[in-house]
Amino acid sequence: MKIAVAVIGNEISQHFGHSEKFYIYKLSPMKLFMGLSYSKF
């Protein structure tokens, strides 16, 4: 799970130009789940 979170954070940071840690701490579990679901498509 931690690896998935790091990967999602990395992808988001590449799109928006922020560090992945910012998004890992800011994202709620639901948003993170939506991100995981979205990344599959």
C-alpha atoms as a PDB file:
ATOM      1  CA  MET A   1       0.000   0.000   0.000  1.00  0.00           C
ATOM      2  CA  LYS A   2       2.799   2.412   0.860  1.00  0.00           C
ATOM      3  CA  ILE A   3       4.403   1.772  -2.531  1.00  0.00           C
ATOM      4  CA  ALA A   4       1.099   2.489  -4.292  1.00  0.00           C
ATOM      5  CA  VAL A   5       0.704   5.722  -2.314  1.00  0.00           C
ATOM      6  CA  ALA A   6       4.235   6.789  -3.221  1.00  0.00           C
ATOM      7  CA  VAL A   7       3.651   6.036  -6.899  1.00  0.00           C
ATOM      8  CA  ILE A   8       0.346   7.963  -6.932  1.00  0.00           C
ATOM      9  CA  GLY A   9       2.033  10.866  -5.143  1.00  0.00           C
ATOM     10  CA  ASN A  10       4.861  10.800  -7.672  1.00  0.00           C
ATOM     11  CA  GLU A  11       2.473  10.865 -10.626  1.00  0.00           C
ATOM     12  CA  ILE A  12       0.493  13.746  -9.118  1.00  0.00           C
ATOM     13  CA  SER A  13       3.665  15.718  -8.365  1.00  0.00           C
ATOM     14  CA  GLN A  14       4.807  15.290 -11.971  1.00  0.00           C
ATOM     15  CA  HIS A  15       1.500  16.697 -13.202  1.00  0.00           C
ATOM     16  CA  PHE A  16       1.274  19.611 -10.781  1.00  0.00           C
ATOM     17  CA  GLY A  17       4.933  20.234  -9.946  1.00  0.00           C
ATOM     18  CA  HIS A  18       4.723  19.641  -6.184  1.00  0.00           C
ATOM     19  CA  SER A  19       6.519  17.155  -3.973  1.00  0.00           C
ATOM     20  CA  GLU A  20       4.814  13.786  -3.483  1.00  0.00           C
ATOM     21  CA  LYS A  21       4.951  14.179   0.306  1.00  0.00           C
ATOM     22  CA  PHE A  22       2.665  17.213   0.104  1.00  0.00           C
ATOM     23  CA  TYR A  23       0.021  15.144  -1.675  1.00  0.00           C
ATOM     24  CA  ILE A  24       0.516  12.038   0.456  1.00  0.00           C
ATOM     25  CA  TYR A  25      -0.257  14.070   3.580  1.00  0.00           C
ATOM     26  CA  LYS A  26      -2.955  16.250   2.019  1.00  0.00           C
ATOM     27  CA  LEU A  27      -4.956  13.496   0.297  1.00  0.00           C
ATOM     28  CA  SER A  28      -7.741  11.934   2.308  1.00  0.00           C
ATOM     29  CA  PRO A  29      -8.107   8.119   2.208  1.00  0.00           C
ATOM     30  CA  MET A  30     -11.145   8.472  -0.068  1.00  0.00           C
ATOM     31  CA  LYS A  31      -9.305  10.716  -2.518  1.00  0.00           C
ATOM     32  CA  LEU A  32      -6.377   8.306  -2.420  1.00  0.00           C
ATOM     33  CA  PHE A  33      -8.727   5.410  -3.183  1.00  0.00           C
ATOM     34  CA  MET A  34     -10.222   7.368  -6.076  1.00  0.00           C
ATOM     35  CA  GLY A  35      -6.691   8.063  -7.297  1.00  0.00           C
ATOM     36  CA  LEU A  36      -5.836   4.366  -7.187  1.00  0.00           C
ATOM     37  CA  SER A  37      -9.013   3.503  -9.094  1.00  0.00           C
ATOM     38  CA  TYR A  38      -8.397   6.259 -11.647  1.00  0.00           C
ATOM     39  CA  SER A  39      -4.794   5.196 -12.233  1.00  0.00           C
ATOM     40  CA  LYS A  40      -5.953   1.771 -13.422  1.00  0.00           C
ATOM     41  CA  PHE A  41      -7.718   3.369 -16.436  1.00  0.00           C
END
